[in-house]
Amino acid sequence: MKIIAFGASPSTKSINKGLATYATSLFQNAEVEILDLNDFEMPLFSVDREMTIGQHPLAQQFLDKIAGADALVVSMAENNGNYSAAFKNTFDWASRINVKVFQEKPMILMATSPGGRGGASVLGIAETLFPRYGGNIKATFSLPSFYQNFDIETGKISNPEFDQKLRAIVQQFESENG
């Protein structure tokens, strides 16, 4: 199984990229590629800009990465209760090429944040909207209070309850989609 994973944040120390990376490590037999949104940095999307420059090649590269996957692991960063500007911009450019951005790939959709809600607002938005854009969400997971429940040094969830929950999600996902 080929998995494409990313944290929907441009931060070089993205906690969501860390969570997505950890989640992919739990798969038994998978080829994993972790994307960095910084590799898809494009000018701010507008229809005027699109008319001037056309479809951006980095948006097509993003779509090509998704097309080459069997499954997706996406962890949403929450900025003021919504998507990060970097993710939204990549998504906007890509959706102009293929409205089914996620191409019906089975997906584990996650979020984490330093706060106690674990990115619940952005997770809810993504869970509602992604299916309209080809998001085949098989499971969701939220990790609250990231710095209390994740060990940055080991790159693993340190809270046994949350760790077991994510392990169970991955195991079921693998059995159903592997």
N, C-alpha and C. Protein backbone atom coordinates (compact mmCIF):
# COMPACT_ATOMS: atom_id res chain seq x y z
N MET A 1 0.85 -1.17 0.00
CA MET A 1 0.00 0.00 0.00
C MET A 1 0.89 1.23 0.00
N LYS A 2 0.62 2.16 -0.90
CA LYS A 2 1.35 3.44 -0.97
C LYS A 2 0.52 4.49 -0.26
N ILE A 3 1.11 5.11 0.75
CA ILE A 3 0.42 6.13 1.55
C ILE A 3 1.08 7.48 1.32
N ILE A 4 0.26 8.47 1.03
CA ILE A 4 0.70 9.86 1.02
C ILE A 4 0.15 10.48 2.30
N ALA A 5 1.03 11.15 3.04
CA ALA A 5 0.62 11.78 4.30
C ALA A 5 1.15 13.20 4.34
N PHE A 6 0.42 14.05 5.03
CA PHE A 6 0.92 15.40 5.27
C PHE A 6 0.19 16.05 6.43
N GLY A 7 0.88 16.99 7.04
CA GLY A 7 0.27 17.88 8.00
C GLY A 7 -0.09 19.15 7.25
N ALA A 8 -1.30 19.62 7.39
CA ALA A 8 -1.80 20.75 6.60
C ALA A 8 -1.33 22.08 7.19
N SER A 9 -0.02 22.20 7.31
CA SER A 9 0.61 23.38 7.89
C SER A 9 1.96 23.61 7.21
N PRO A 10 2.35 24.86 7.03
CA PRO A 10 3.67 25.13 6.46
C PRO A 10 4.79 25.20 7.51
N SER A 11 4.46 25.02 8.77
CA SER A 11 5.45 25.15 9.83
C SER A 11 6.54 24.08 9.69
N THR A 12 7.79 24.50 9.85
CA THR A 12 8.89 23.54 9.81
C THR A 12 8.87 22.62 11.03
N LYS A 13 8.14 23.02 12.07
CA LYS A 13 8.00 22.20 13.28
C LYS A 13 6.54 21.80 13.48
N SER A 14 5.85 21.53 12.38
CA SER A 14 4.43 21.25 12.41
C SER A 14 4.09 20.05 13.30
N ILE A 15 3.26 20.29 14.29
CA ILE A 15 2.82 19.19 15.15
C ILE A 15 1.89 18.26 14.37
N ASN A 16 1.19 18.79 13.39
CA ASN A 16 0.31 17.94 12.59
C ASN A 16 1.10 17.06 11.64
N LYS A 17 2.19 17.56 11.11
CA LYS A 17 3.08 16.72 10.30
C LYS A 17 3.67 15.61 11.18
N GLY A 18 4.02 15.96 12.42
CA GLY A 18 4.53 14.96 13.36
C GLY A 18 3.51 13.88 13.65
N LEU A 19 2.26 14.28 13.85
CA LEU A 19 1.20 13.30 14.10
C LEU A 19 0.96 12.42 12.88
N ALA A 20 0.91 13.02 11.70
CA ALA A 20 0.70 12.24 10.47
C ALA A 20 1.85 11.27 10.25
N THR A 21 3.06 11.71 10.51
CA THR A 21 4.24 10.84 10.36
C THR A 21 4.16 9.67 11.32
N TYR A 22 3.79 9.95 12.56
CA TYR A 22 3.66 8.87 13.54
C TYR A 22 2.58 7.88 13.10
N ALA A 23 1.44 8.38 12.67
CA ALA A 23 0.35 7.50 12.25
C ALA A 23 0.81 6.57 11.14
N THR A 24 1.58 7.07 10.18
CA THR A 24 2.02 6.21 9.08
C THR A 24 3.01 5.15 9.56
N SER A 25 3.73 5.44 10.64
CA SER A 25 4.69 4.46 11.16
C SER A 25 3.98 3.24 11.74
N LEU A 26 2.69 3.35 12.02
CA LEU A 26 1.94 2.25 12.61
C LEU A 26 1.45 1.24 11.57
N PHE A 27 1.55 1.59 10.30
CA PHE A 27 1.14 0.66 9.25
C PHE A 27 2.19 -0.45 9.12
N GLN A 28 1.72 -1.67 8.88
CA GLN A 28 2.61 -2.82 8.82
C GLN A 28 3.36 -2.92 7.49
N ASN A 29 2.66 -2.83 6.40
CA ASN A 29 3.27 -3.03 5.08
C ASN A 29 2.89 -1.88 4.17
N ALA A 30 3.58 -0.78 4.32
CA ALA A 30 3.23 0.40 3.53
C ALA A 30 4.48 1.12 3.06
N GLU A 31 4.38 1.65 1.87
CA GLU A 31 5.38 2.58 1.36
C GLU A 31 4.80 3.96 1.66
N VAL A 32 5.55 4.80 2.36
CA VAL A 32 5.03 6.07 2.84
C VAL A 32 5.83 7.22 2.25
N GLU A 33 5.11 8.24 1.82
CA GLU A 33 5.74 9.50 1.43
C GLU A 33 5.07 10.61 2.22
N ILE A 34 5.87 11.36 2.96
CA ILE A 34 5.37 12.48 3.75
C ILE A 34 5.59 13.75 2.93
N LEU A 35 4.51 14.43 2.60
CA LEU A 35 4.61 15.67 1.85
C LEU A 35 4.83 16.85 2.79
N ASP A 36 5.51 17.86 2.28
CA ASP A 36 5.70 19.12 2.99
C ASP A 36 4.98 20.20 2.19
N LEU A 37 4.01 20.86 2.80
CA LEU A 37 3.25 21.88 2.07
C LEU A 37 4.14 22.98 1.52
N ASN A 38 5.30 23.19 2.10
CA ASN A 38 6.21 24.21 1.59
C ASN A 38 6.70 23.88 0.19
N ASP A 39 6.65 22.62 -0.19
CA ASP A 39 7.05 22.23 -1.54
C ASP A 39 5.98 22.59 -2.57
N PHE A 40 4.83 23.05 -2.11
CA PHE A 40 3.72 23.40 -3.00
C PHE A 40 3.32 24.87 -2.81
N GLU A 41 4.28 25.70 -2.45
CA GLU A 41 3.99 27.11 -2.21
C GLU A 41 3.72 27.82 -3.53
N MET A 42 2.56 28.42 -3.62
CA MET A 42 2.13 29.10 -4.84
C MET A 42 1.64 30.50 -4.48
N PRO A 43 1.52 31.37 -5.48
CA PRO A 43 0.94 32.69 -5.17
C PRO A 43 -0.48 32.53 -4.67
N LEU A 44 -0.94 33.52 -3.94
CA LEU A 44 -2.29 33.49 -3.40
C LEU A 44 -3.29 33.32 -4.55
N PHE A 45 -4.15 32.31 -4.42
CA PHE A 45 -5.09 32.01 -5.49
C PHE A 45 -6.12 33.13 -5.66
N SER A 46 -6.39 33.46 -6.91
CA SER A 46 -7.52 34.29 -7.29
C SER A 46 -7.85 33.94 -8.73
N VAL A 47 -9.10 34.13 -9.11
CA VAL A 47 -9.46 33.83 -10.50
C VAL A 47 -8.74 34.76 -11.46
N ASP A 48 -8.45 35.98 -11.04
CA ASP A 48 -7.70 36.90 -11.90
C ASP A 48 -6.29 36.36 -12.14
N ARG A 49 -5.66 35.90 -11.07
CA ARG A 49 -4.30 35.36 -11.21
C ARG A 49 -4.33 34.09 -12.07
N GLU A 50 -5.35 33.26 -11.86
CA GLU A 50 -5.47 32.04 -12.66
C GLU A 50 -5.64 32.38 -14.15
N MET A 51 -6.38 33.44 -14.46
CA MET A 51 -6.54 33.85 -15.85
C MET A 51 -5.23 34.35 -16.44
N THR A 52 -4.38 34.93 -15.60
CA THR A 52 -3.11 35.47 -16.06
C THR A 52 -2.06 34.37 -16.25
N ILE A 53 -1.92 33.48 -15.25
CA ILE A 53 -0.84 32.49 -15.31
C ILE A 53 -1.32 31.08 -15.66
N GLY A 54 -2.61 30.85 -15.61
CA GLY A 54 -3.14 29.52 -15.89
C GLY A 54 -3.05 28.63 -14.66
N GLN A 55 -3.23 27.34 -14.89
CA GLN A 55 -3.16 26.38 -13.79
C GLN A 55 -1.71 26.26 -13.32
N HIS A 56 -1.53 26.31 -12.03
CA HIS A 56 -0.18 26.30 -11.48
C HIS A 56 0.39 24.87 -11.51
N PRO A 57 1.61 24.70 -12.01
CA PRO A 57 2.19 23.34 -12.08
C PRO A 57 2.37 22.67 -10.72
N LEU A 58 2.57 23.43 -9.65
CA LEU A 58 2.70 22.81 -8.33
C LEU A 58 1.37 22.22 -7.86
N ALA A 59 0.26 22.82 -8.28
CA ALA A 59 -1.05 22.25 -7.95
C ALA A 59 -1.20 20.90 -8.64
N GLN A 60 -0.74 20.82 -9.89
CA GLN A 60 -0.81 19.54 -10.60
C GLN A 60 0.11 18.51 -9.94
N GLN A 61 1.28 18.94 -9.48
CA GLN A 61 2.18 18.01 -8.80
C GLN A 61 1.53 17.48 -7.52
N PHE A 62 0.84 18.34 -6.79
CA PHE A 62 0.13 17.92 -5.58
C PHE A 62 -0.92 16.86 -5.94
N LEU A 63 -1.70 17.13 -6.98
CA LEU A 63 -2.71 16.17 -7.43
C LEU A 63 -2.08 14.87 -7.89
N ASP A 64 -0.93 14.96 -8.55
CA ASP A 64 -0.23 13.75 -9.02
C ASP A 64 0.22 12.89 -7.85
N LYS A 65 0.68 13.53 -6.78
CA LYS A 65 1.08 12.78 -5.58
C LYS A 65 -0.11 12.00 -5.04
N ILE A 66 -1.26 12.67 -4.94
CA ILE A 66 -2.47 12.01 -4.44
C ILE A 66 -2.87 10.88 -5.39
N ALA A 67 -2.79 11.12 -6.69
CA ALA A 67 -3.18 10.11 -7.68
C ALA A 67 -2.32 8.84 -7.55
N GLY A 68 -1.07 9.00 -7.15
CA GLY A 68 -0.17 7.87 -7.03
C GLY A 68 -0.31 7.09 -5.73
N ALA A 69 -1.20 7.54 -4.86
CA ALA A 69 -1.37 6.89 -3.55
C ALA A 69 -2.52 5.90 -3.58
N ASP A 70 -2.42 4.93 -2.68
CA ASP A 70 -3.53 4.03 -2.40
C ASP A 70 -4.38 4.55 -1.24
N ALA A 71 -3.76 5.36 -0.39
CA ALA A 71 -4.44 5.87 0.80
C ALA A 71 -3.78 7.18 1.22
N LEU A 72 -4.55 7.95 2.01
CA LEU A 72 -4.07 9.24 2.50
C LEU A 72 -4.18 9.30 4.02
N VAL A 73 -3.19 9.93 4.64
CA VAL A 73 -3.23 10.26 6.07
C VAL A 73 -3.00 11.77 6.14
N VAL A 74 -4.02 12.49 6.56
CA VAL A 74 -3.99 13.95 6.57
C VAL A 74 -4.29 14.44 7.98
N SER A 75 -3.41 15.30 8.49
CA SER A 75 -3.62 15.89 9.80
C SER A 75 -3.73 17.41 9.63
N MET A 76 -4.89 17.92 9.99
CA MET A 76 -5.24 19.31 9.75
C MET A 76 -4.74 20.22 10.87
N ALA A 77 -3.99 21.25 10.48
CA ALA A 77 -3.61 22.31 11.42
C ALA A 77 -4.78 23.27 11.56
N GLU A 78 -4.99 23.76 12.76
CA GLU A 78 -6.09 24.69 12.99
C GLU A 78 -5.52 26.08 13.24
N ASN A 79 -5.89 27.00 12.36
CA ASN A 79 -5.52 28.41 12.52
C ASN A 79 -6.80 29.21 12.69
N ASN A 80 -7.01 29.75 13.87
CA ASN A 80 -8.22 30.52 14.17
C ASN A 80 -9.48 29.73 13.82
N GLY A 81 -9.48 28.45 14.15
CA GLY A 81 -10.66 27.61 13.97
C GLY A 81 -10.87 27.09 12.56
N ASN A 82 -9.90 27.31 11.66
CA ASN A 82 -10.09 26.91 10.28
C ASN A 82 -8.79 26.37 9.69
N TYR A 83 -8.81 26.07 8.39
CA TYR A 83 -7.62 25.58 7.69
C TYR A 83 -6.49 26.60 7.77
N SER A 84 -5.26 26.13 7.69
CA SER A 84 -4.13 27.04 7.55
C SER A 84 -4.22 27.68 6.17
N ALA A 85 -3.72 28.89 6.04
CA ALA A 85 -3.74 29.60 4.75
C ALA A 85 -2.96 28.82 3.70
N ALA A 86 -1.86 28.19 4.10
CA ALA A 86 -1.05 27.43 3.15
C ALA A 86 -1.82 26.25 2.58
N PHE A 87 -2.52 25.51 3.45
CA PHE A 87 -3.30 24.38 2.95
C PHE A 87 -4.44 24.87 2.07
N LYS A 88 -5.16 25.90 2.51
CA LYS A 88 -6.30 26.41 1.75
C LYS A 88 -5.86 26.86 0.37
N ASN A 89 -4.71 27.51 0.27
CA ASN A 89 -4.21 27.98 -1.02
C ASN A 89 -3.87 26.81 -1.94
N THR A 90 -3.18 25.80 -1.40
CA THR A 90 -2.86 24.61 -2.20
C THR A 90 -4.15 23.93 -2.66
N PHE A 91 -5.08 23.79 -1.75
CA PHE A 91 -6.37 23.18 -2.04
C PHE A 91 -7.11 23.97 -3.12
N ASP A 92 -7.12 25.30 -3.00
CA ASP A 92 -7.83 26.12 -3.98
C ASP A 92 -7.24 25.96 -5.38
N TRP A 93 -5.92 26.03 -5.49
CA TRP A 93 -5.29 25.85 -6.80
C TRP A 93 -5.58 24.46 -7.35
N ALA A 94 -5.44 23.44 -6.53
CA ALA A 94 -5.64 22.06 -6.98
C ALA A 94 -7.10 21.81 -7.40
N SER A 95 -8.04 22.38 -6.67
CA SER A 95 -9.45 22.13 -6.98
C SER A 95 -9.87 22.74 -8.30
N ARG A 96 -9.12 23.70 -8.80
CA ARG A 96 -9.42 24.30 -10.10
C ARG A 96 -9.00 23.37 -11.25
N ILE A 97 -8.10 22.44 -10.96
CA ILE A 97 -7.68 21.44 -11.94
C ILE A 97 -8.57 20.22 -11.85
N ASN A 98 -8.80 19.76 -10.61
CA ASN A 98 -9.64 18.58 -10.36
C ASN A 98 -10.44 18.85 -9.09
N VAL A 99 -11.74 19.06 -9.24
CA VAL A 99 -12.58 19.36 -8.09
C VAL A 99 -12.55 18.22 -7.07
N LYS A 100 -12.27 17.02 -7.52
CA LYS A 100 -12.15 15.87 -6.62
C LYS A 100 -10.68 15.75 -6.18
N VAL A 101 -10.22 16.75 -5.46
CA VAL A 101 -8.83 16.86 -5.04
C VAL A 101 -8.31 15.57 -4.43
N PHE A 102 -9.11 14.94 -3.58
CA PHE A 102 -8.66 13.76 -2.84
C PHE A 102 -8.92 12.46 -3.59
N GLN A 103 -9.55 12.54 -4.75
CA GLN A 103 -9.64 11.46 -5.72
C GLN A 103 -10.19 10.14 -5.17
N GLU A 104 -11.09 10.25 -4.20
CA GLU A 104 -11.76 9.09 -3.60
C GLU A 104 -10.79 8.11 -2.93
N LYS A 105 -9.60 8.56 -2.59
CA LYS A 105 -8.63 7.71 -1.89
C LYS A 105 -9.11 7.53 -0.44
N PRO A 106 -9.05 6.31 0.08
CA PRO A 106 -9.40 6.14 1.49
C PRO A 106 -8.46 6.97 2.37
N MET A 107 -9.04 7.60 3.37
CA MET A 107 -8.30 8.59 4.15
C MET A 107 -8.54 8.43 5.65
N ILE A 108 -7.45 8.59 6.40
CA ILE A 108 -7.56 8.84 7.83
C ILE A 108 -7.36 10.34 7.99
N LEU A 109 -8.36 11.00 8.54
CA LEU A 109 -8.35 12.45 8.73
C LEU A 109 -8.13 12.73 10.21
N MET A 110 -7.13 13.55 10.51
CA MET A 110 -6.77 13.81 11.90
C MET A 110 -6.57 15.31 12.13
N ALA A 111 -6.41 15.66 13.38
CA ALA A 111 -6.00 17.00 13.77
C ALA A 111 -5.42 16.93 15.17
N THR A 112 -4.53 17.87 15.44
CA THR A 112 -4.03 18.05 16.80
C THR A 112 -3.78 19.54 16.99
N SER A 113 -3.70 19.93 18.24
CA SER A 113 -3.38 21.32 18.58
C SER A 113 -2.85 21.34 20.01
N PRO A 114 -2.23 22.43 20.41
CA PRO A 114 -1.77 22.52 21.79
C PRO A 114 -2.92 22.56 22.80
N GLY A 115 -4.10 22.96 22.34
CA GLY A 115 -5.25 23.10 23.24
C GLY A 115 -6.02 21.82 23.47
N GLY A 116 -6.93 21.90 24.39
CA GLY A 116 -7.69 20.74 24.82
C GLY A 116 -8.72 20.22 23.83
N ARG A 117 -9.02 20.98 22.77
CA ARG A 117 -10.00 20.52 21.79
C ARG A 117 -9.34 19.77 20.64
N GLY A 118 -8.02 19.80 20.55
CA GLY A 118 -7.31 18.99 19.56
C GLY A 118 -7.65 19.30 18.12
N GLY A 119 -7.89 20.56 17.81
CA GLY A 119 -8.21 20.91 16.43
C GLY A 119 -9.61 20.50 16.02
N ALA A 120 -10.51 20.38 17.00
CA ALA A 120 -11.87 19.90 16.72
C ALA A 120 -12.61 20.77 15.70
N SER A 121 -12.39 22.07 15.71
CA SER A 121 -13.10 22.95 14.77
C SER A 121 -12.69 22.65 13.33
N VAL A 122 -11.40 22.63 13.07
CA VAL A 122 -10.94 22.38 11.70
C VAL A 122 -11.23 20.93 11.28
N LEU A 123 -11.15 20.01 12.21
CA LEU A 123 -11.47 18.62 11.90
C LEU A 123 -12.93 18.51 11.47
N GLY A 124 -13.82 19.20 12.18
CA GLY A 124 -15.23 19.18 11.81
C GLY A 124 -15.48 19.80 10.44
N ILE A 125 -14.80 20.90 10.14
CA ILE A 125 -14.95 21.54 8.83
C ILE A 125 -14.48 20.59 7.73
N ALA A 126 -13.29 20.02 7.92
CA ALA A 126 -12.74 19.11 6.91
C ALA A 126 -13.62 17.86 6.75
N GLU A 127 -14.10 17.33 7.86
CA GLU A 127 -14.94 16.13 7.80
C GLU A 127 -16.23 16.41 7.01
N THR A 128 -16.75 17.61 7.12
CA THR A 128 -17.96 17.99 6.40
C THR A 128 -17.67 18.27 4.92
N LEU A 129 -16.58 18.98 4.63
CA LEU A 129 -16.33 19.44 3.26
C LEU A 129 -15.53 18.47 2.39
N PHE A 130 -14.60 17.73 2.95
CA PHE A 130 -13.74 16.88 2.11
C PHE A 130 -14.51 15.90 1.23
N PRO A 131 -15.59 15.29 1.71
CA PRO A 131 -16.31 14.36 0.82
C PRO A 131 -16.81 15.02 -0.47
N ARG A 132 -17.09 16.30 -0.43
CA ARG A 132 -17.50 17.02 -1.65
C ARG A 132 -16.35 17.13 -2.64
N TYR A 133 -15.14 16.95 -2.16
CA TYR A 133 -13.94 17.09 -2.98
C TYR A 133 -13.18 15.76 -3.10
N GLY A 134 -13.95 14.67 -3.09
CA GLY A 134 -13.35 13.36 -3.29
C GLY A 134 -12.70 12.77 -2.07
N GLY A 135 -12.99 13.29 -0.89
CA GLY A 135 -12.43 12.76 0.34
C GLY A 135 -13.23 11.55 0.81
N ASN A 136 -12.60 10.40 0.79
CA ASN A 136 -13.23 9.15 1.21
C ASN A 136 -12.76 8.85 2.65
N ILE A 137 -13.33 9.57 3.59
CA ILE A 137 -12.88 9.52 4.99
C ILE A 137 -13.35 8.22 5.63
N LYS A 138 -12.39 7.41 6.04
CA LYS A 138 -12.70 6.13 6.68
C LYS A 138 -12.65 6.23 8.20
N ALA A 139 -11.87 7.18 8.72
CA ALA A 139 -11.74 7.33 10.17
C ALA A 139 -11.23 8.74 10.47
N THR A 140 -11.57 9.22 11.67
CA THR A 140 -11.04 10.49 12.14
C THR A 140 -10.39 10.27 13.51
N PHE A 141 -9.46 11.16 13.82
CA PHE A 141 -8.75 11.08 15.10
C PHE A 141 -8.32 12.48 15.50
N SER A 142 -8.54 12.81 16.75
CA SER A 142 -8.11 14.09 17.29
C SER A 142 -7.23 13.84 18.51
N LEU A 143 -6.09 14.52 18.53
CA LEU A 143 -5.19 14.44 19.68
C LEU A 143 -5.17 15.79 20.37
N PRO A 144 -5.84 15.90 21.53
CA PRO A 144 -5.83 17.17 22.26
C PRO A 144 -4.51 17.39 22.99
N SER A 145 -4.29 18.60 23.39
CA SER A 145 -3.13 18.95 24.24
C SER A 145 -1.86 18.26 23.75
N PHE A 146 -1.48 18.58 22.52
CA PHE A 146 -0.38 17.90 21.85
C PHE A 146 0.85 17.75 22.74
N TYR A 147 1.29 18.82 23.35
CA TYR A 147 2.56 18.78 24.09
C TYR A 147 2.49 17.96 25.37
N GLN A 148 1.29 17.67 25.86
CA GLN A 148 1.13 16.79 27.01
C GLN A 148 0.94 15.33 26.58
N ASN A 149 0.56 15.09 25.33
CA ASN A 149 0.21 13.74 24.88
C ASN A 149 1.10 13.18 23.78
N PHE A 150 2.12 13.93 23.38
CA PHE A 150 3.01 13.49 22.31
C PHE A 150 4.44 13.77 22.73
N ASP A 151 5.31 12.79 22.58
CA ASP A 151 6.72 12.95 22.92
C ASP A 151 7.48 13.35 21.66
N ILE A 152 7.87 14.60 21.59
CA ILE A 152 8.54 15.12 20.40
C ILE A 152 9.86 14.41 20.15
N GLU A 153 10.58 14.05 21.21
CA GLU A 153 11.87 13.39 21.05
C GLU A 153 11.75 12.03 20.37
N THR A 154 10.75 11.26 20.77
CA THR A 154 10.58 9.92 20.17
C THR A 154 9.67 9.95 18.95
N GLY A 155 8.91 11.04 18.79
CA GLY A 155 7.98 11.15 17.67
C GLY A 155 6.77 10.23 17.81
N LYS A 156 6.36 9.99 19.06
CA LYS A 156 5.26 9.06 19.33
C LYS A 156 4.26 9.67 20.31
N ILE A 157 3.02 9.19 20.24
CA ILE A 157 2.02 9.56 21.23
C ILE A 157 2.44 8.96 22.56
N SER A 158 2.50 9.78 23.60
CA SER A 158 2.94 9.31 24.91
C SER A 158 1.79 8.89 25.80
N ASN A 159 0.59 9.35 25.50
CA ASN A 159 -0.58 8.99 26.29
C ASN A 159 -1.09 7.63 25.82
N PRO A 160 -1.06 6.60 26.66
CA PRO A 160 -1.43 5.25 26.22
C PRO A 160 -2.86 5.14 25.67
N GLU A 161 -3.79 5.89 26.24
CA GLU A 161 -5.18 5.82 25.79
C GLU A 161 -5.31 6.33 24.34
N PHE A 162 -4.71 7.48 24.06
CA PHE A 162 -4.77 8.04 22.71
C PHE A 162 -3.96 7.19 21.73
N ASP A 163 -2.83 6.68 22.20
CA ASP A 163 -2.00 5.84 21.34
C ASP A 163 -2.76 4.58 20.93
N GLN A 164 -3.43 3.96 21.88
CA GLN A 164 -4.18 2.75 21.57
C GLN A 164 -5.33 3.04 20.62
N LYS A 165 -5.97 4.17 20.79
CA LYS A 165 -7.07 4.55 19.90
C LYS A 165 -6.56 4.71 18.46
N LEU A 166 -5.44 5.41 18.28
CA LEU A 166 -4.89 5.58 16.93
C LEU A 166 -4.43 4.24 16.35
N ARG A 167 -3.80 3.42 17.17
CA ARG A 167 -3.37 2.09 16.69
C ARG A 167 -4.56 1.26 16.20
N ALA A 168 -5.66 1.31 16.92
CA ALA A 168 -6.86 0.58 16.52
C ALA A 168 -7.42 1.12 15.20
N ILE A 169 -7.40 2.43 15.03
CA ILE A 169 -7.87 3.04 13.79
C ILE A 169 -7.01 2.58 12.61
N VAL A 170 -5.70 2.61 12.78
CA VAL A 170 -4.79 2.20 11.72
C VAL A 170 -4.98 0.72 11.40
N GLN A 171 -5.09 -0.10 12.42
CA GLN A 171 -5.26 -1.54 12.20
C GLN A 171 -6.55 -1.82 11.42
N GLN A 172 -7.64 -1.20 11.80
CA GLN A 172 -8.89 -1.40 11.08
C GLN A 172 -8.80 -0.86 9.66
N PHE A 173 -8.20 0.31 9.50
CA PHE A 173 -8.03 0.90 8.17
C PHE A 173 -7.25 -0.04 7.26
N GLU A 174 -6.15 -0.59 7.80
CA GLU A 174 -5.33 -1.53 7.03
C GLU A 174 -6.10 -2.77 6.63
N SER A 175 -6.87 -3.32 7.55
CA SER A 175 -7.61 -4.55 7.26
C SER A 175 -8.69 -4.30 6.21
N GLU A 176 -9.25 -3.11 6.19
CA GLU A 176 -10.33 -2.80 5.24
C GLU A 176 -9.83 -2.25 3.91
N ASN A 177 -8.63 -1.69 3.88
CA ASN A 177 -8.13 -1.00 2.68
C ASN A 177 -6.80 -1.51 2.18
N GLY A 178 -6.20 -2.45 2.90
CA GLY A 178 -4.85 -2.89 2.56
C GLY A 178 -4.82 -3.93 1.52
